[in-house]
Amino acid sequence: RASGKHYGVYSCEGCKGFFKRTVRKDLTYACREERGCTIDKRQRNRCQYCRYQKCLRW
């Protein structure tokens, strides 16, 4: 559930921290599937690549 507007989009604290760590540490991720993983509240930790791509789309 969104806790407020962070970096220009509404997001939860977990996604805010994930985005911040990824950018600050210049991390890169790889998807084990076909870059189309479902990223929602329950499954957001399964694929970091797709989670980061979802951050960039917003």
PDB file of N, CA and C in Angstrom:
ATOM      1  N   ARG A   1       0.839  -1.175   0.000  1.00  0.00           N
ATOM      2  CA  ARG A   1       0.000   0.000   0.000  1.00  0.00           C
ATOM      3  C   ARG A   1       0.885   1.238   0.000  1.00  0.00           C
ATOM      4  N   ALA A   2       0.566   2.167  -0.820  1.00  0.00           N
ATOM      5  CA  ALA A   2       1.370   3.385  -0.922  1.00  0.00           C
ATOM      6  C   ALA A   2       1.352   4.156   0.395  1.00  0.00           C
ATOM      7  N   SER A   3       2.523   4.589   0.798  1.00  0.00           N
ATOM      8  CA  SER A   3       2.636   5.359   2.037  1.00  0.00           C
ATOM      9  C   SER A   3       2.819   6.846   1.750  1.00  0.00           C
ATOM     10  N   GLY A   4       2.916   7.188   0.474  1.00  0.00           N
ATOM     11  CA  GLY A   4       3.102   8.581   0.085  1.00  0.00           C
ATOM     12  C   GLY A   4       3.776   8.665  -1.266  1.00  0.00           C
ATOM     13  N   LYS A   5       4.106   9.873  -1.642  1.00  0.00           N
ATOM     14  CA  LYS A   5       4.749  10.095  -2.933  1.00  0.00           C
ATOM     15  C   LYS A   5       6.256  10.138  -2.721  1.00  0.00           C
ATOM     16  N   HIS A   6       6.956   9.213  -3.353  1.00  0.00           N
ATOM     17  CA  HIS A   6       8.402   9.097  -3.222  1.00  0.00           C
ATOM     18  C   HIS A   6       9.020   9.119  -4.613  1.00  0.00           C
ATOM     19  N   TYR A   7       9.976   9.990  -4.828  1.00  0.00           N
ATOM     20  CA  TYR A   7      10.657  10.100  -6.124  1.00  0.00           C
ATOM     21  C   TYR A   7       9.673  10.321  -7.272  1.00  0.00           C
ATOM     22  N   GLY A   8       8.602  11.035  -6.984  1.00  0.00           N
ATOM     23  CA  GLY A   8       7.648  11.411  -8.019  1.00  0.00           C
ATOM     24  C   GLY A   8       6.489  10.463  -8.242  1.00  0.00           C
ATOM     25  N   VAL A   9       6.454   9.332  -7.543  1.00  0.00           N
ATOM     26  CA  VAL A   9       5.348   8.382  -7.703  1.00  0.00           C
ATOM     27  C   VAL A   9       4.878   7.900  -6.332  1.00  0.00           C
ATOM     28  N   TYR A  10       3.639   7.446  -6.265  1.00  0.00           N
ATOM     29  CA  TYR A  10       3.125   6.874  -5.035  1.00  0.00           C
ATOM     30  C   TYR A  10       3.666   5.460  -4.889  1.00  0.00           C
ATOM     31  N   SER A  11       4.272   5.171  -3.744  1.00  0.00           N
ATOM     32  CA  SER A  11       4.838   3.838  -3.516  1.00  0.00           C
ATOM     33  C   SER A  11       4.853   3.516  -2.030  1.00  0.00           C
ATOM     34  N   CYS A  12       5.049   2.243  -1.734  1.00  0.00           N
ATOM     35  CA  CYS A  12       5.168   1.802  -0.347  1.00  0.00           C
ATOM     36  C   CYS A  12       6.606   2.041   0.125  1.00  0.00           C
ATOM     37  N   GLU A  13       6.830   1.921   1.410  1.00  0.00           N
ATOM     38  CA  GLU A  13       8.166   2.132   1.973  1.00  0.00           C
ATOM     39  C   GLU A  13       9.167   1.109   1.435  1.00  0.00           C
ATOM     40  N   GLY A  14       8.720  -0.140   1.237  1.00  0.00           N
ATOM     41  CA  GLY A  14       9.605  -1.184   0.721  1.00  0.00           C
ATOM     42  C   GLY A  14      10.114  -0.869  -0.673  1.00  0.00           C
ATOM     43  N   CYS A  15       9.216  -0.429  -1.550  1.00  0.00           N
ATOM     44  CA  CYS A  15       9.616  -0.096  -2.920  1.00  0.00           C
ATOM     45  C   CYS A  15      10.462   1.169  -2.943  1.00  0.00           C
ATOM     46  N   LYS A  16      10.169   2.092  -2.063  1.00  0.00           N
ATOM     47  CA  LYS A  16      10.987   3.306  -1.955  1.00  0.00           C
ATOM     48  C   LYS A  16      12.429   2.938  -1.613  1.00  0.00           C
ATOM     49  N   GLY A  17      12.601   2.069  -0.621  1.00  0.00           N
ATOM     50  CA  GLY A  17      13.940   1.647  -0.215  1.00  0.00           C
ATOM     51  C   GLY A  17      14.644   0.837  -1.288  1.00  0.00           C
ATOM     52  N   PHE A  18      13.904  -0.046  -1.952  1.00  0.00           N
ATOM     53  CA  PHE A  18      14.468  -0.856  -3.034  1.00  0.00           C
ATOM     54  C   PHE A  18      15.002   0.039  -4.149  1.00  0.00           C
ATOM     55  N   PHE A  19      14.215   1.018  -4.574  1.00  0.00           N
ATOM     56  CA  PHE A  19      14.632   1.930  -5.640  1.00  0.00           C
ATOM     57  C   PHE A  19      15.860   2.733  -5.207  1.00  0.00           C
ATOM     58  N   LYS A  20      15.838   3.236  -3.998  1.00  0.00           N
ATOM     59  CA  LYS A  20      16.947   4.048  -3.486  1.00  0.00           C
ATOM     60  C   LYS A  20      18.250   3.249  -3.441  1.00  0.00           C
ATOM     61  N   ARG A  21      18.196   2.013  -2.930  1.00  0.00           N
ATOM     62  CA  ARG A  21      19.394   1.158  -2.867  1.00  0.00           C
ATOM     63  C   ARG A  21      19.917   0.843  -4.262  1.00  0.00           C
ATOM     64  N   THR A  22      19.015   0.525  -5.167  1.00  0.00           N
ATOM     65  CA  THR A  22      19.413   0.172  -6.528  1.00  0.00           C
ATOM     66  C   THR A  22      20.155   1.323  -7.200  1.00  0.00           C
ATOM     67  N   VAL A  23      19.631   2.524  -7.061  1.00  0.00           N
ATOM     68  CA  VAL A  23      20.248   3.694  -7.698  1.00  0.00           C
ATOM     69  C   VAL A  23      21.557   4.058  -7.009  1.00  0.00           C
ATOM     70  N   ARG A  24      21.554   4.122  -5.697  1.00  0.00           N
ATOM     71  CA  ARG A  24      22.763   4.542  -4.970  1.00  0.00           C
ATOM     72  C   ARG A  24      23.932   3.577  -5.148  1.00  0.00           C
ATOM     73  N   LYS A  25      23.624   2.285  -5.183  1.00  0.00           N
ATOM     74  CA  LYS A  25      24.691   1.285  -5.307  1.00  0.00           C
ATOM     75  C   LYS A  25      24.953   0.894  -6.754  1.00  0.00           C
ATOM     76  N   ASP A  26      24.222   1.513  -7.692  1.00  0.00           N
ATOM     77  CA  ASP A  26      24.365   1.237  -9.119  1.00  0.00           C
ATOM     78  C   ASP A  26      24.255  -0.263  -9.406  1.00  0.00           C
ATOM     79  N   LEU A  27      23.219  -0.888  -8.839  1.00  0.00           N
ATOM     80  CA  LEU A  27      23.022  -2.330  -8.985  1.00  0.00           C
ATOM     81  C   LEU A  27      22.381  -2.662 -10.327  1.00  0.00           C
ATOM     82  N   THR A  28      22.713  -3.836 -10.844  1.00  0.00           N
ATOM     83  CA  THR A  28      22.061  -4.343 -12.051  1.00  0.00           C
ATOM     84  C   THR A  28      21.489  -5.711 -11.728  1.00  0.00           C
ATOM     85  N   TYR A  29      20.372  -6.022 -12.334  1.00  0.00           N
ATOM     86  CA  TYR A  29      19.675  -7.276 -12.079  1.00  0.00           C
ATOM     87  C   TYR A  29      19.429  -8.014 -13.389  1.00  0.00           C
ATOM     88  N   ALA A  30      19.157  -9.295 -13.286  1.00  0.00           N
ATOM     89  CA  ALA A  30      18.810 -10.108 -14.451  1.00  0.00           C
ATOM     90  C   ALA A  30      17.543 -10.888 -14.134  1.00  0.00           C
ATOM     91  N   CYS A  31      16.681 -11.019 -15.120  1.00  0.00           N
ATOM     92  CA  CYS A  31      15.437 -11.770 -14.966  1.00  0.00           C
ATOM     93  C   CYS A  31      15.681 -13.218 -15.380  1.00  0.00           C
ATOM     94  N   ARG A  32      15.226 -14.149 -14.577  1.00  0.00           N
ATOM     95  CA  ARG A  32      15.381 -15.579 -14.887  1.00  0.00           C
ATOM     96  C   ARG A  32      14.292 -16.079 -15.827  1.00  0.00           C
ATOM     97  N   GLU A  33      13.262 -15.303 -15.989  1.00  0.00           N
ATOM     98  CA  GLU A  33      12.151 -15.684 -16.865  1.00  0.00           C
ATOM     99  C   GLU A  33      12.278 -14.922 -18.184  1.00  0.00           C
ATOM    100  N   GLU A  34      11.195 -14.345 -18.642  1.00  0.00           N
ATOM    101  CA  GLU A  34      11.196 -13.631 -19.921  1.00  0.00           C
ATOM    102  C   GLU A  34      10.892 -12.147 -19.752  1.00  0.00           C
ATOM    103  N   ARG A  35      11.340 -11.586 -18.653  1.00  0.00           N
ATOM    104  CA  ARG A  35      11.157 -10.161 -18.356  1.00  0.00           C
ATOM    105  C   ARG A  35       9.702  -9.747 -18.322  1.00  0.00           C
ATOM    106  N   GLY A  36       8.858 -10.623 -17.833  1.00  0.00           N
ATOM    107  CA  GLY A  36       7.432 -10.308 -17.735  1.00  0.00           C
ATOM    108  C   GLY A  36       6.840 -10.797 -16.432  1.00  0.00           C
ATOM    109  N   CYS A  37       7.635 -10.812 -15.384  1.00  0.00           N
ATOM    110  CA  CYS A  37       7.187 -11.325 -14.088  1.00  0.00           C
ATOM    111  C   CYS A  37       6.116 -10.412 -13.486  1.00  0.00           C
ATOM    112  N   THR A  38       5.181 -11.021 -12.780  1.00  0.00           N
ATOM    113  CA  THR A  38       4.155 -10.265 -12.079  1.00  0.00           C
ATOM    114  C   THR A  38       4.768  -9.634 -10.839  1.00  0.00           C
ATOM    115  N   ILE A  39       4.635  -8.334 -10.736  1.00  0.00           N
ATOM    116  CA  ILE A  39       5.154  -7.617  -9.575  1.00  0.00           C
ATOM    117  C   ILE A  39       3.968  -6.968  -8.881  1.00  0.00           C
ATOM    118  N   ASP A  40       3.592  -7.534  -7.760  1.00  0.00           N
ATOM    119  CA  ASP A  40       2.521  -6.968  -6.952  1.00  0.00           C
ATOM    120  C   ASP A  40       2.927  -7.060  -5.483  1.00  0.00           C
ATOM    121  N   LYS A  41       2.030  -6.710  -4.610  1.00  0.00           N
ATOM    122  CA  LYS A  41       2.346  -6.665  -3.180  1.00  0.00           C
ATOM    123  C   LYS A  41       2.869  -8.002  -2.658  1.00  0.00           C
ATOM    124  N   ARG A  42       2.309  -9.100  -3.126  1.00  0.00           N
ATOM    125  CA  ARG A  42       2.683 -10.420  -2.619  1.00  0.00           C
ATOM    126  C   ARG A  42       3.910 -11.002  -3.305  1.00  0.00           C
ATOM    127  N   GLN A  43       4.176 -10.615  -4.538  1.00  0.00           N
ATOM    128  CA  GLN A  43       5.249 -11.247  -5.308  1.00  0.00           C
ATOM    129  C   GLN A  43       6.366 -10.287  -5.708  1.00  0.00           C
ATOM    130  N   ARG A  44       6.456  -9.150  -5.056  1.00  0.00           N
ATOM    131  CA  ARG A  44       7.419  -8.139  -5.494  1.00  0.00           C
ATOM    132  C   ARG A  44       8.873  -8.532  -5.287  1.00  0.00           C
ATOM    133  N   ASN A  45       9.149  -9.488  -4.422  1.00  0.00           N
ATOM    134  CA  ASN A  45      10.535  -9.874  -4.148  1.00  0.00           C
ATOM    135  C   ASN A  45      11.030 -11.049  -4.992  1.00  0.00           C
ATOM    136  N   ARG A  46      10.212 -11.557  -5.876  1.00  0.00           N
ATOM    137  CA  ARG A  46      10.608 -12.725  -6.675  1.00  0.00           C
ATOM    138  C   ARG A  46      11.576 -12.391  -7.802  1.00  0.00           C
ATOM    139  N   CYS A  47      11.451 -11.213  -8.375  1.00  0.00           N
ATOM    140  CA  CYS A  47      12.329 -10.838  -9.487  1.00  0.00           C
ATOM    141  C   CYS A  47      12.716  -9.369  -9.350  1.00  0.00           C
ATOM    142  N   GLN A  48      13.951  -9.134  -8.981  1.00  0.00           N
ATOM    143  CA  GLN A  48      14.413  -7.762  -8.787  1.00  0.00           C
ATOM    144  C   GLN A  48      14.497  -6.998 -10.106  1.00  0.00           C
ATOM    145  N   TYR A  49      14.833  -7.695 -11.184  1.00  0.00           N
ATOM    146  CA  TYR A  49      14.902  -7.038 -12.490  1.00  0.00           C
ATOM    147  C   TYR A  49      13.542  -6.440 -12.861  1.00  0.00           C
ATOM    148  N   CYS A  50      12.509  -7.272 -12.826  1.00  0.00           N
ATOM    149  CA  CYS A  50      11.174  -6.806 -13.211  1.00  0.00           C
ATOM    150  C   CYS A  50      10.637  -5.771 -12.224  1.00  0.00           C
ATOM    151  N   ARG A  51      11.000  -5.908 -10.963  1.00  0.00           N
ATOM    152  CA  ARG A  51      10.582  -4.914  -9.968  1.00  0.00           C
ATOM    153  C   ARG A  51      11.202  -3.555 -10.286  1.00  0.00           C
ATOM    154  N   TYR A  52      12.471  -3.527 -10.619  1.00  0.00           N
ATOM    155  CA  TYR A  52      13.137  -2.264 -10.946  1.00  0.00           C
ATOM    156  C   TYR A  52      12.569  -1.667 -12.235  1.00  0.00           C
ATOM    157  N   GLN A  53      12.295  -2.505 -13.221  1.00  0.00           N
ATOM    158  CA  GLN A  53      11.705  -2.016 -14.469  1.00  0.00           C
ATOM    159  C   GLN A  53      10.339  -1.388 -14.211  1.00  0.00           C
ATOM    160  N   LYS A  54       9.582  -1.971 -13.287  1.00  0.00           N
ATOM    161  CA  LYS A  54       8.280  -1.401 -12.944  1.00  0.00           C
ATOM    162  C   LYS A  54       8.464  -0.032 -12.299  1.00  0.00           C
ATOM    163  N   CYS A  55       9.486   0.116 -11.474  1.00  0.00           N
ATOM    164  CA  CYS A  55       9.785   1.427 -10.873  1.00  0.00           C
ATOM    165  C   CYS A  55      10.046   2.462 -11.962  1.00  0.00           C
ATOM    166  N   LEU A  56      10.798   2.091 -12.973  1.00  0.00           N
ATOM    167  CA  LEU A  56      11.166   3.030 -14.036  1.00  0.00           C
ATOM    168  C   LEU A  56       9.984   3.403 -14.926  1.00  0.00           C
ATOM    169  N   ARG A  57       9.019   2.504 -15.061  1.00  0.00           N
ATOM    170  CA  ARG A  57       7.841   2.783 -15.896  1.00  0.00           C
ATOM    171  C   ARG A  57       6.970   3.870 -15.297  1.00  0.00           C
ATOM    172  N   TRP A  58       6.958   3.999 -14.000  1.00  0.00           N
ATOM    173  CA  TRP A  58       6.085   4.981 -13.346  1.00  0.00           C
ATOM    174  C   TRP A  58       6.741   6.301 -13.423  1.00  0.00           C
TER     175      TRP A  58
END
